[in-house]
Amino acid sequence: METQPIRFYHRGQIQEVADAPITRTVLQYLREDVRCTGTKEGCAEGDCGACTVVIGELQDDGQVAFKAVNSCIQFLPTLDGKALITVEDLRQADGTLHPVQEALVECHGSQCGFCTPGFVMSLWALYQQHTPGGDAPARSTICDALTGNLCRCTGYRPIIDAGQRMMALPAPRPGKLEPRSIAEALRGLRRDGTFHYSAAGRQFHAPRTASAFAALKAAEPGIRILAGSTDVGLWVTKQFRELGDLLYIGQVQDLYYVEPRDGMLEIGAAVPLEPAYAALTAHHPALEELWKRFASLPIRNAGTLGGNIANGSPIGDSMPALIALGAEVVLQHGDTRRTLPLEDLYLAYQKTAMAAGEFVAALRVPLAGPAHFRTYKLSKRFDEDISAVCAAFAIDVEDGIVTRARIAFGGMAATPKRAAAAEAALTGQPWDEASARAAMAALGQDYTPLTDMRASAAYRARGAANLLYRFWLETRADALPAASVNVRAPGAGADVIAAGV
C-alpha cells in the first residue's frame, strides 16, 4: 500500500510528517523534532500530566471539540486530520498571556515551571467549554479537569482559584487558536478512505469504516489494534516493546456511536471512555463516582471503553460494573458478528474468548437497572489510581426477598469475575444483615486474591467483604444516608459509622 504523510494542524498551519516511526510519541515529536519544549516529560505513562496537550477534532456539526490528552503515550500517526494545541500556541500575537496563564499568575498558582504547562493546557481545554465573561466553572468541574495533573507545588487552592478567575479576564484576541480557523483547516485534512502510513518497515492503518477495519483484521489476525494508547503506549515508553503493524480504531466512524437498541444501550468500540461513561451514568446514576475516579480526564478522553474491555485486565475498573449490570459484548470477524455475556469473554489472565481475527465491535448494557446497584473502588489515591479492589453489586428485591443477585469484582482474581457463591447465598433470602453476612463469608469460596504492591491478599479479602456490607447498609429498608457511608458526601463526618466496617 502506498504510504501517505501524517497531516495535522499545529502552530497555525498544516504540518506534514513522512518519516517518523509509527510509535514515535507526540511528546517526542514536540520536544525533539520541532523543539516545542514547553511540553514536559515526567512519568512517560500518562499519570503526572506534565505532558498534557490539547487535541482538536472536527465534529459532524462543523465545530471543533477540544480535549486534553497525554502526549507522552499518544503515537504521532493518530494526529492525522486533527489539531494539536500546545502551550506555545497560547501566547498572543502582542506577547500577552492567555487568560488561563494570566489567572495562574494572578492567583499564585504557577509552580516550578515543569508541571505548570500541563496545568495550563488542562485549564485551556476547560476554558473552551465556557464563555469568557460568563459564569466560572464549578469547583468540582475544575477538580475533575485537573485529575490528570498530579503535582501541587503551590497547593490545590491557588490552582482552583485560577480556574474560576480565568473566565472573568478579558477574552483573548482572535488569532491562530480561533476555532473557526481551525475548523476550516481540519476540513481540508479530511480523508475519504483508509489512511495508510509506513515508516521503517512498519505499517499504520486507520480505516474509516467498520467493514474496512474488519477486512484488515481478518487478513492479518495478529495485527495490533490501537485505540487510545493508554495501555499500548506504555508497552513502548516503559517496556520498549516492538509492536509490529498497527490497526487504529479511532477513525472508524461507524464504530463511534451511542444508541439505545432493543432495551440496551449500545456503545461502539471507538467511543472514548468520557462520553461512554456519561451515557452510561445517565441511565445508571450509581456509576458517577466510578466514572470520575476512572483514571483521569485526559486518559478518559483518549482511551476507549472497547479497548478497556478487550484488554481484559483483572484490575480494569469498567468490567465489574458492566458485568453486574448484565452487559454483553459484540465481537466481529469480517462481516460476521456474535454476542456473548461480558463475563464469558474472559477465560484466564489476559486470555479471552475472541477467535483469531476477531475484535470487540460494541458493548450492550441493559437500559433498565436493578432495584439496587452500587460500585465501589479501593485505591491508595482517590483520583487517578489503579484499584486494589473494584466491586459492583446489583440485586432485585421483591417483598423483602432477594430475587436476583449479580456481584462482580476486579483485583480479586486473574480476570474480572462474578461471585457465584455470594450470589447464591443471597438469592431467595431476605435482604437483611444475616444474609449480607452470609454472602460476605461466601466470598471466601469465590476468590483467592494475591498480594502485590497495591494491597495484601488479606486486605483485599477483608475489603471486598466490607464493601458488600456497605452495600447492605446503603440499600437496607432503613438505609443509612450518604454522609454516613461516604466521607466525600455533603455532611460527611457528622456521624461515624463503624459497625462491621
Protein backbone atom coordinates (compact mmCIF):
# COMPACT_ATOMS: atom_id res chain seq x y z
CA MET A 1 0.00 0.00 0.00
CA GLU A 2 1.22 3.48 -0.83
CA THR A 3 2.19 5.46 2.25
CA GLN A 4 0.68 8.86 2.99
CA PRO A 5 2.18 11.60 5.17
CA ILE A 6 0.73 12.40 8.58
CA ARG A 7 -1.08 15.74 8.26
CA PHE A 8 -2.28 17.83 11.19
CA TYR A 9 -2.74 21.43 12.26
CA HIS A 10 -0.16 22.89 14.64
CA ARG A 11 1.33 26.34 15.28
CA GLY A 12 -1.16 27.99 12.97
CA GLN A 13 -0.51 25.87 9.90
CA ILE A 14 -0.70 22.41 8.38
CA GLN A 15 2.20 20.15 9.32
CA GLU A 16 3.31 17.06 7.40
CA VAL A 17 5.45 14.22 8.75
CA ALA A 18 6.58 11.42 6.47
CA ASP A 19 9.50 9.64 8.13
CA ALA A 20 8.75 9.23 11.85
CA PRO A 21 8.41 5.68 13.28
CA ILE A 22 4.76 4.69 13.74
CA THR A 23 5.27 4.50 17.52
CA ARG A 24 7.00 7.86 17.84
CA THR A 25 5.08 9.72 20.50
CA VAL A 26 3.61 13.18 20.12
CA LEU A 27 5.82 14.29 23.01
CA GLN A 28 8.98 13.08 21.25
CA TYR A 29 7.91 14.90 18.11
CA LEU A 30 7.30 18.12 20.01
CA ARG A 31 10.46 18.16 22.09
CA GLU A 32 12.97 16.53 19.77
CA ASP A 33 11.76 17.24 16.25
CA VAL A 34 10.21 20.72 16.35
CA ARG A 35 11.75 21.96 19.62
CA CYS A 36 8.46 22.86 21.30
CA THR A 37 9.89 22.16 24.73
CA GLY A 38 7.15 23.75 26.82
CA THR A 39 5.53 20.31 26.99
CA LYS A 40 7.45 18.18 29.51
CA GLU A 41 8.06 14.50 30.17
CA GLY A 42 7.58 13.30 33.71
CA CYS A 43 6.33 9.75 34.12
CA ALA A 44 6.09 8.66 30.45
CA GLU A 45 2.93 6.72 31.25
CA GLY A 46 0.13 9.29 31.29
CA ASP A 47 -0.07 9.82 35.05
CA CYS A 48 1.67 13.03 36.05
CA GLY A 49 0.19 15.40 33.44
CA ALA A 50 3.39 17.32 32.66
CA CYS A 51 2.97 16.28 29.02
CA THR A 52 -0.65 17.44 28.67
CA VAL A 53 -1.61 18.90 25.28
CA VAL A 54 -5.00 19.55 23.68
CA ILE A 55 -6.29 17.77 20.59
CA GLY A 56 -8.93 19.38 18.40
CA GLU A 57 -11.23 17.19 16.28
CA LEU A 58 -13.77 18.32 13.71
CA GLN A 59 -17.30 17.19 14.60
CA ASP A 60 -20.23 16.41 12.33
CA ASP A 61 -21.75 19.81 13.14
CA GLY A 62 -18.66 21.59 11.81
CA GLN A 63 -17.45 22.62 15.26
CA VAL A 64 -14.10 21.66 16.78
CA ALA A 65 -14.13 19.67 20.02
CA PHE A 66 -11.06 20.22 22.18
CA LYS A 67 -9.88 17.66 24.71
CA ALA A 68 -6.81 17.35 26.91
CA VAL A 69 -4.68 14.23 26.40
CA ASN A 70 -1.29 12.90 27.46
CA SER A 71 1.19 13.43 24.64
CA CYS A 72 3.74 11.02 26.15
CA ILE A 73 1.69 7.95 25.16
CA GLN A 74 -0.07 9.17 22.01
CA PHE A 75 1.51 7.93 18.79
CA LEU A 76 2.15 10.57 16.13
CA PRO A 77 0.13 8.96 13.29
CA THR A 78 -3.04 9.25 15.41
CA LEU A 79 -2.83 13.03 14.90
CA ASP A 80 -3.72 12.73 11.22
CA GLY A 81 -6.60 15.07 10.44
CA LYS A 82 -6.59 16.70 13.89
CA ALA A 83 -5.31 19.87 15.51
CA LEU A 84 -2.52 19.83 18.09
CA ILE A 85 -2.51 22.70 20.60
CA THR A 86 0.46 23.16 22.91
CA VAL A 87 1.43 25.76 25.47
CA GLU A 88 3.49 27.61 22.85
CA ASP A 89 0.28 28.37 20.95
CA LEU A 90 -1.34 30.27 23.80
CA ARG A 91 0.87 33.33 23.72
CA GLN A 92 -0.99 36.09 21.89
CA ALA A 93 0.40 37.99 18.92
CA ASP A 94 1.33 41.02 21.04
CA GLY A 95 3.11 38.84 23.58
CA THR A 96 0.44 38.98 26.27
CA LEU A 97 -0.60 35.92 28.18
CA HIS A 98 -3.75 33.93 27.57
CA PRO A 99 -6.39 34.41 30.31
CA VAL A 100 -5.63 30.92 31.62
CA GLN A 101 -1.96 31.82 32.07
CA GLU A 102 -2.76 35.26 33.47
CA ALA A 103 -5.15 33.75 36.01
CA LEU A 104 -2.49 31.32 37.23
CA VAL A 105 -0.10 34.25 37.71
CA GLU A 106 -2.67 36.41 39.50
CA CYS A 107 -3.75 33.60 41.82
CA HIS A 108 -0.20 32.43 42.53
CA GLY A 109 -0.92 29.04 41.00
CA SER A 110 2.22 28.94 38.89
CA GLN A 111 4.59 26.23 40.00
CA CYS A 112 8.23 25.34 39.44
CA GLY A 113 7.68 25.51 35.69
CA PHE A 114 7.95 21.82 34.93
CA CYS A 115 4.32 20.90 35.56
CA THR A 116 2.76 24.33 35.02
CA PRO A 117 2.36 23.94 31.21
CA GLY A 118 0.33 20.77 31.77
CA PHE A 119 -1.99 22.62 34.14
CA VAL A 120 -2.29 25.43 31.62
CA MET A 121 -3.38 23.06 28.89
CA SER A 122 -5.90 21.23 31.08
CA LEU A 123 -7.42 24.57 32.08
CA TRP A 124 -7.31 25.81 28.46
CA ALA A 125 -9.38 22.79 27.38
CA LEU A 126 -11.86 23.66 30.15
CA TYR A 127 -11.80 27.32 29.08
CA GLN A 128 -13.02 26.31 25.61
CA GLN A 129 -16.18 24.86 27.14
CA HIS A 130 -17.21 28.15 28.77
CA THR A 131 -17.92 31.70 27.65
CA PRO A 132 -15.41 34.43 28.56
CA GLY A 133 -17.12 36.86 30.90
CA GLY A 134 -19.74 34.26 31.77
CA ASP A 135 -20.14 32.02 34.77
CA ALA A 136 -16.99 30.44 36.14
CA PRO A 137 -16.73 26.64 36.12
CA ALA A 138 -17.87 24.99 39.33
CA ARG A 139 -15.13 23.95 41.74
CA SER A 140 -15.99 20.28 41.17
CA THR A 141 -15.70 20.76 37.40
CA ILE A 142 -12.26 22.31 37.79
CA CYS A 143 -11.15 19.48 40.07
CA ASP A 144 -12.34 16.93 37.50
CA ALA A 145 -10.44 18.76 34.75
CA LEU A 146 -7.23 18.64 36.81
CA THR A 147 -7.36 14.98 37.84
CA GLY A 148 -4.63 14.25 35.30
CA ASN A 149 -2.23 16.84 36.74
CA LEU A 150 -0.78 15.39 39.92
CA CYS A 151 1.83 17.94 41.03
CA ARG A 152 0.65 20.52 43.56
CA CYS A 153 3.78 22.53 44.45
CA THR A 154 1.68 25.59 45.25
CA GLY A 155 -1.19 23.68 46.78
CA TYR A 156 -4.64 22.96 45.41
CA ARG A 157 -6.45 26.20 46.24
CA PRO A 158 -4.47 28.68 44.10
CA ILE A 159 -4.82 26.49 41.02
CA ILE A 160 -8.56 26.05 41.52
CA ASP A 161 -8.87 29.79 42.14
CA ALA A 162 -7.20 30.35 38.77
CA GLY A 163 -9.70 28.04 37.11
CA GLN A 164 -12.51 30.22 38.43
CA ARG A 165 -10.74 33.50 37.76
CA MET A 166 -9.84 32.82 34.11
CA MET A 167 -13.35 33.34 32.76
CA ALA A 168 -13.54 36.84 34.26
CA LEU A 169 -10.44 38.11 32.45
CA PRO A 170 -10.69 39.81 29.03
CA ALA A 171 -11.15 37.31 26.21
CA PRO A 172 -8.08 36.61 24.05
CA ARG A 173 -7.82 38.43 20.75
CA PRO A 174 -8.66 36.44 17.60
CA GLY A 175 -5.61 34.58 16.38
CA LYS A 176 -4.31 31.18 15.36
CA LEU A 177 -6.42 29.49 18.04
CA GLU A 178 -9.67 30.84 16.61
CA PRO A 179 -11.95 27.75 16.45
CA ARG A 180 -13.39 28.77 13.06
CA SER A 181 -9.91 28.94 11.53
CA ILE A 182 -9.01 25.57 12.98
CA ALA A 183 -12.27 24.06 11.71
CA GLU A 184 -11.57 25.34 8.20
CA ALA A 185 -8.07 23.85 8.27
CA LEU A 186 -9.35 20.49 9.50
CA ARG A 187 -11.98 20.32 6.77
CA GLY A 188 -9.14 20.43 4.27
CA LEU A 189 -7.43 17.49 6.01
CA ARG A 190 -10.34 15.07 5.79
CA ARG A 191 -9.61 11.79 4.05
CA ASP A 192 -12.22 9.76 2.23
CA GLY A 193 -10.72 6.31 2.73
CA THR A 194 -8.23 4.45 4.89
CA PHE A 195 -5.18 6.37 6.00
CA HIS A 196 -2.03 4.31 5.37
CA TYR A 197 1.27 5.41 6.85
CA SER A 198 4.51 3.44 6.86
CA ALA A 199 8.00 4.04 8.20
CA ALA A 200 10.95 1.79 8.96
CA GLY A 201 9.11 -1.21 7.55
CA ARG A 202 6.08 -0.84 9.83
CA GLN A 203 2.51 -0.08 8.74
CA PHE A 204 -0.12 2.10 10.41
CA HIS A 205 -3.68 1.68 9.11
CA ALA A 206 -6.55 3.99 10.06
CA PRO A 207 -9.74 2.83 8.29
CA ARG A 208 -12.87 4.97 8.18
CA THR A 209 -15.42 2.13 8.14
CA ALA A 210 -16.03 -0.97 10.24
CA SER A 211 -16.01 -3.17 7.13
CA ALA A 212 -12.57 -1.91 6.10
CA PHE A 213 -11.32 -2.34 9.67
CA ALA A 214 -12.70 -5.90 9.84
CA ALA A 215 -11.18 -6.80 6.47
CA LEU A 216 -7.71 -5.67 7.56
CA LYS A 217 -8.01 -7.54 10.87
CA ALA A 218 -9.21 -10.72 9.15
CA ALA A 219 -6.39 -10.54 6.59
CA GLU A 220 -3.77 -10.06 9.31
CA PRO A 221 -5.19 -11.60 12.53
CA GLY A 222 -2.07 -10.84 14.54
CA ILE A 223 -2.04 -7.12 13.81
CA ARG A 224 -2.10 -4.97 16.94
CA ILE A 225 -5.31 -2.97 17.40
CA LEU A 226 -4.68 0.54 18.72
CA ALA A 227 -7.40 2.61 20.39
CA GLY A 228 -6.43 5.34 22.86
CA SER A 229 -2.82 4.21 23.50
CA THR A 230 -3.47 4.46 27.23
CA ASP A 231 -2.21 0.90 27.71
CA VAL A 232 -0.42 0.05 24.47
CA GLY A 233 1.50 3.32 24.67
CA LEU A 234 3.16 2.13 27.88
CA TRP A 235 4.36 -1.01 26.13
CA VAL A 236 6.57 1.32 24.10
CA THR A 237 7.52 4.01 26.62
CA LYS A 238 8.05 1.74 29.65
CA GLN A 239 8.67 -1.74 28.27
CA PHE A 240 10.37 -0.76 24.97
CA ARG A 241 8.42 -3.39 23.06
CA GLU A 242 8.20 -3.69 19.29
CA LEU A 243 4.52 -3.66 18.35
CA GLY A 244 4.64 -4.57 14.68
CA ASP A 245 1.96 -3.13 12.38
CA LEU A 246 -0.88 -1.15 13.95
CA LEU A 247 -4.60 -1.02 13.14
CA TYR A 248 -6.13 2.17 14.54
CA ILE A 249 -9.78 2.14 15.55
CA GLY A 250 -10.01 5.83 16.38
CA GLN A 251 -11.17 6.96 12.92
CA VAL A 252 -13.80 4.25 12.31
CA GLN A 253 -16.93 6.38 12.11
CA ASP A 254 -19.50 3.57 12.25
CA LEU A 255 -17.93 2.24 15.47
CA TYR A 256 -18.33 5.68 17.06
CA TYR A 257 -21.92 5.71 18.31
CA VAL A 258 -24.01 5.50 21.46
CA GLU A 259 -27.58 4.39 20.78
CA PRO A 260 -30.45 2.69 22.62
CA ARG A 261 -31.34 -0.52 20.79
CA ASP A 262 -33.84 -3.19 21.88
CA GLY A 263 -33.75 -2.21 25.54
CA MET A 264 -29.96 -1.97 25.57
CA LEU A 265 -27.57 0.96 25.40
CA GLU A 266 -25.14 0.04 22.61
CA ILE A 267 -21.73 1.72 22.63
CA GLY A 268 -19.42 1.37 19.65
CA ALA A 269 -15.83 0.30 20.21
CA ALA A 270 -14.38 3.61 19.02
CA VAL A 271 -16.22 5.70 21.65
CA PRO A 272 -13.83 7.22 24.22
CA LEU A 273 -14.36 6.50 27.89
CA GLU A 274 -15.55 10.00 28.79
CA PRO A 275 -18.65 10.11 26.55
CA ALA A 276 -19.24 6.40 27.10
CA TYR A 277 -19.42 6.83 30.88
CA ALA A 278 -21.52 9.97 30.50
CA ALA A 279 -24.09 7.94 28.56
CA LEU A 280 -23.96 5.01 30.99
CA THR A 281 -24.34 7.25 34.02
CA ALA A 282 -27.39 8.93 32.51
CA HIS A 283 -29.15 5.56 32.78
CA HIS A 284 -27.32 4.22 35.86
CA PRO A 285 -26.53 7.20 38.14
CA ALA A 286 -24.72 4.99 40.67
CA LEU A 287 -21.85 4.83 38.17
CA GLU A 288 -20.97 8.51 38.62
CA GLU A 289 -18.26 8.13 41.25
CA LEU A 290 -16.63 5.29 39.33
CA TRP A 291 -16.75 7.44 36.19
CA LYS A 292 -14.96 10.33 37.87
CA ARG A 293 -12.44 8.04 39.55
CA PHE A 294 -11.64 6.05 36.41
CA ALA A 295 -8.05 7.17 35.69
CA SER A 296 -8.06 10.90 34.79
CA LEU A 297 -9.89 13.10 32.33
CA PRO A 298 -7.01 13.07 29.77
CA ILE A 299 -6.95 9.26 29.93
CA ARG A 300 -10.74 9.05 29.59
CA ASN A 301 -10.56 11.47 26.66
CA ALA A 302 -8.17 9.15 24.81
CA GLY A 303 -8.90 5.60 25.98
CA THR A 304 -11.98 3.75 24.78
CA LEU A 305 -14.48 1.57 26.59
CA GLY A 306 -14.00 -1.06 23.87
CA GLY A 307 -10.26 -1.06 24.48
CA ASN A 308 -10.73 -1.38 28.23
CA ILE A 309 -12.97 -4.40 27.65
CA ALA A 310 -10.72 -6.03 25.05
CA ASN A 311 -7.67 -5.58 27.27
CA GLY A 312 -9.33 -7.74 29.93
CA SER A 313 -7.15 -6.54 32.78
CA PRO A 314 -8.09 -8.11 36.14
CA ILE A 315 -7.92 -4.60 37.63
CA GLY A 316 -9.83 -2.82 34.86
CA ASP A 317 -12.50 -0.72 36.55
CA SER A 318 -15.17 -0.96 33.86
CA MET A 319 -15.73 -4.71 33.88
CA PRO A 320 -17.12 -5.40 37.38
CA ALA A 321 -19.83 -2.75 36.98
CA LEU A 322 -20.71 -3.80 33.45
CA ILE A 323 -20.81 -7.49 34.39
CA ALA A 324 -23.06 -6.75 37.37
CA LEU A 325 -25.42 -4.85 35.07
CA GLY A 326 -25.60 -7.83 32.70
CA ALA A 327 -23.67 -6.29 29.79
CA GLU A 328 -23.00 -8.10 26.52
CA VAL A 329 -20.03 -7.73 24.20
CA VAL A 330 -20.39 -7.74 20.41
CA LEU A 331 -17.50 -9.43 18.59
CA GLN A 332 -16.88 -9.12 14.86
CA HIS A 333 -14.89 -11.14 12.34
CA GLY A 334 -15.17 -9.97 8.76
CA ASP A 335 -18.87 -9.28 8.21
CA THR A 336 -20.00 -11.71 10.93
CA ARG A 337 -20.93 -10.60 14.42
CA ARG A 338 -21.73 -12.57 17.55
CA THR A 339 -22.81 -11.52 21.03
CA LEU A 340 -21.94 -13.09 24.38
CA PRO A 341 -22.25 -12.12 28.04
CA LEU A 342 -19.32 -9.95 29.04
CA GLU A 343 -18.23 -12.29 31.84
CA ASP A 344 -17.85 -15.09 29.27
CA LEU A 345 -15.26 -13.08 27.34
CA TYR A 346 -12.57 -13.66 29.97
CA LEU A 347 -11.09 -17.15 30.17
CA ALA A 348 -7.84 -16.64 32.06
CA TYR A 349 -5.26 -13.95 32.78
CA GLN A 350 -5.17 -11.78 29.62
CA LYS A 351 -6.81 -14.59 27.65
CA THR A 352 -10.19 -14.01 26.03
CA ALA A 353 -12.73 -15.96 24.03
CA MET A 354 -12.01 -13.92 20.90
CA ALA A 355 -11.02 -16.02 17.88
CA ALA A 356 -8.14 -15.09 15.58
CA GLY A 357 -9.09 -12.06 13.51
CA GLU A 358 -12.00 -11.18 15.80
CA PHE A 359 -12.32 -7.87 17.63
CA VAL A 360 -14.61 -6.04 20.03
CA ALA A 361 -17.10 -4.06 17.93
CA ALA A 362 -19.51 -2.83 20.60
CA LEU A 363 -20.83 -3.19 24.12
CA ARG A 364 -24.51 -3.60 25.04
CA VAL A 365 -25.74 -2.61 28.52
CA PRO A 366 -29.34 -3.01 29.72
CA LEU A 367 -31.13 0.33 29.95
CA ALA A 368 -33.22 -0.81 32.90
CA GLY A 369 -31.23 -1.19 36.07
CA PRO A 370 -31.74 -3.48 39.07
CA ALA A 371 -33.57 -2.34 42.19
CA HIS A 372 -30.25 -1.70 43.95
CA PHE A 373 -26.92 -1.08 42.23
CA ARG A 374 -23.62 0.27 43.57
CA THR A 375 -19.96 0.31 42.57
CA TYR A 376 -17.01 0.88 44.89
CA LYS A 377 -13.30 1.34 44.37
CA LEU A 378 -10.49 0.86 46.90
CA SER A 379 -7.19 2.51 45.96
CA LYS A 380 -4.36 4.38 47.63
CA ARG A 381 -5.32 7.67 45.95
CA PHE A 382 -8.85 8.88 45.40
CA ASP A 383 -8.11 10.29 41.93
CA GLU A 384 -6.22 8.64 39.09
CA ASP A 385 -5.11 5.43 40.74
CA ILE A 386 -5.30 1.74 39.94
CA SER A 387 -7.75 -0.23 42.04
CA ALA A 388 -6.69 -2.64 44.73
CA VAL A 389 -10.31 -3.84 44.71
CA CYS A 390 -13.17 -2.75 42.50
CA ALA A 391 -16.63 -4.05 43.38
CA ALA A 392 -20.07 -3.94 41.80
CA PHE A 393 -23.32 -5.16 43.35
CA ALA A 394 -26.71 -5.46 41.68
CA ILE A 395 -29.76 -7.04 43.31
CA ASP A 396 -33.52 -7.11 42.81
CA VAL A 397 -35.69 -7.33 45.92
CA GLU A 398 -39.40 -8.19 45.99
CA ASP A 399 -41.36 -8.24 49.25
CA GLY A 400 -38.09 -8.14 51.14
CA ILE A 401 -36.65 -11.20 49.34
CA VAL A 402 -33.64 -11.10 47.02
CA THR A 403 -34.88 -12.44 43.69
CA ARG A 404 -31.74 -11.82 41.65
CA ALA A 405 -28.14 -11.03 42.53
CA ARG A 406 -25.15 -10.21 40.35
CA ILE A 407 -21.86 -9.46 42.09
CA ALA A 408 -18.54 -8.90 40.35
CA PHE A 409 -15.07 -7.89 41.49
CA GLY A 410 -11.86 -6.70 39.92
CA GLY A 411 -8.49 -7.14 41.64
CA MET A 412 -9.59 -10.37 43.31
CA ALA A 413 -8.73 -12.93 40.62
CA ALA A 414 -6.85 -13.35 37.34
CA THR A 415 -9.86 -11.94 35.48
CA PRO A 416 -12.84 -9.75 36.31
CA LYS A 417 -15.07 -12.37 37.92
CA ARG A 418 -18.56 -12.88 39.29
CA ALA A 419 -19.02 -14.06 42.86
CA ALA A 420 -21.18 -17.15 42.29
CA ALA A 421 -21.16 -18.36 45.87
CA ALA A 422 -22.02 -14.95 47.30
CA GLU A 423 -24.82 -14.57 44.75
CA ALA A 424 -26.22 -17.98 45.74
CA ALA A 425 -26.06 -17.03 49.40
CA LEU A 426 -28.29 -14.03 48.73
CA THR A 427 -30.75 -15.32 46.14
CA GLY A 428 -34.07 -16.33 47.68
CA GLN A 429 -33.10 -14.94 51.09
CA PRO A 430 -34.40 -11.89 52.97
CA TRP A 431 -32.39 -8.75 52.31
CA ASP A 432 -31.20 -8.42 55.89
CA GLU A 433 -27.96 -8.35 57.83
CA ALA A 434 -27.83 -12.12 58.28
CA SER A 435 -27.99 -12.69 54.53
CA ALA A 436 -25.45 -9.95 53.88
CA ARG A 437 -23.01 -11.52 56.34
CA ALA A 438 -23.59 -14.97 54.83
CA ALA A 439 -22.70 -13.56 51.43
CA MET A 440 -19.63 -11.85 52.91
CA ALA A 441 -18.44 -15.23 54.20
CA ALA A 442 -19.19 -16.89 50.86
CA LEU A 443 -16.77 -14.53 49.10
CA GLY A 444 -14.01 -16.74 50.52
CA GLN A 445 -15.23 -19.51 48.21
CA ASP A 446 -15.30 -17.20 45.20
CA TYR A 447 -11.86 -15.61 45.39
CA THR A 448 -8.29 -16.31 46.44
CA PRO A 449 -6.69 -12.89 45.97
CA LEU A 450 -2.96 -12.26 45.64
CA THR A 451 -0.61 -9.93 47.44
CA ASP A 452 1.12 -7.30 45.30
CA MET A 453 2.31 -3.70 45.53
CA ARG A 454 -1.25 -2.40 45.68
CA ALA A 455 -2.60 -4.50 48.53
CA SER A 456 -2.14 -7.68 50.51
CA ALA A 457 -4.36 -10.70 49.98
CA ALA A 458 -5.79 -10.24 53.48
CA TYR A 459 -6.63 -6.59 52.81
CA ARG A 460 -8.36 -7.47 49.56
CA ALA A 461 -10.42 -10.23 51.16
CA ARG A 462 -11.45 -8.05 54.11
CA GLY A 463 -12.06 -5.03 51.90
CA ALA A 464 -14.24 -6.98 49.47
CA ALA A 465 -16.39 -8.33 52.29
CA ASN A 466 -16.74 -4.92 53.91
CA LEU A 467 -17.81 -3.38 50.62
CA LEU A 468 -20.63 -5.91 50.45
CA TYR A 469 -21.61 -4.91 53.97
CA ARG A 470 -21.54 -1.25 52.98
CA PHE A 471 -23.81 -2.09 50.06
CA TRP A 472 -26.30 -3.58 52.52
CA LEU A 473 -26.07 -0.51 54.78
CA GLU A 474 -26.86 1.74 51.81
CA THR A 475 -29.77 -0.33 50.48
CA ARG A 476 -31.49 -1.88 53.52
CA ALA A 477 -35.04 -0.79 54.40
CA ASP A 478 -33.73 1.92 56.75
CA ALA A 479 -30.78 2.80 54.55
CA LEU A 480 -28.06 4.98 56.02
CA PRO A 481 -27.67 8.44 54.43
CA ALA A 482 -24.76 9.01 52.09
CA ALA A 483 -22.97 11.18 54.66
CA SER A 484 -22.73 8.17 56.98
CA VAL A 485 -21.01 5.87 54.50
CA ASN A 486 -19.08 8.23 52.20
CA VAL A 487 -16.54 10.67 53.61
CA ARG A 488 -16.86 12.84 50.48
CA ALA A 489 -20.63 13.18 50.61
CA PRO A 490 -22.12 16.50 51.82
CA GLY A 491 -22.29 16.47 55.60
CA ALA A 492 -19.89 13.55 55.96
CA GLY A 493 -18.08 13.47 59.27
CA ALA A 494 -21.08 14.40 61.34
CA ASP A 495 -21.63 10.75 62.18
CA VAL A 496 -19.09 7.99 62.47
CA ILE A 497 -20.40 4.59 61.38
CA ALA A 498 -18.03 1.85 62.41
CA ALA A 499 -20.21 -1.21 62.84
CA GLY A 500 -18.61 -4.01 60.88
CA VAL A 501 -16.67 -1.69 58.57
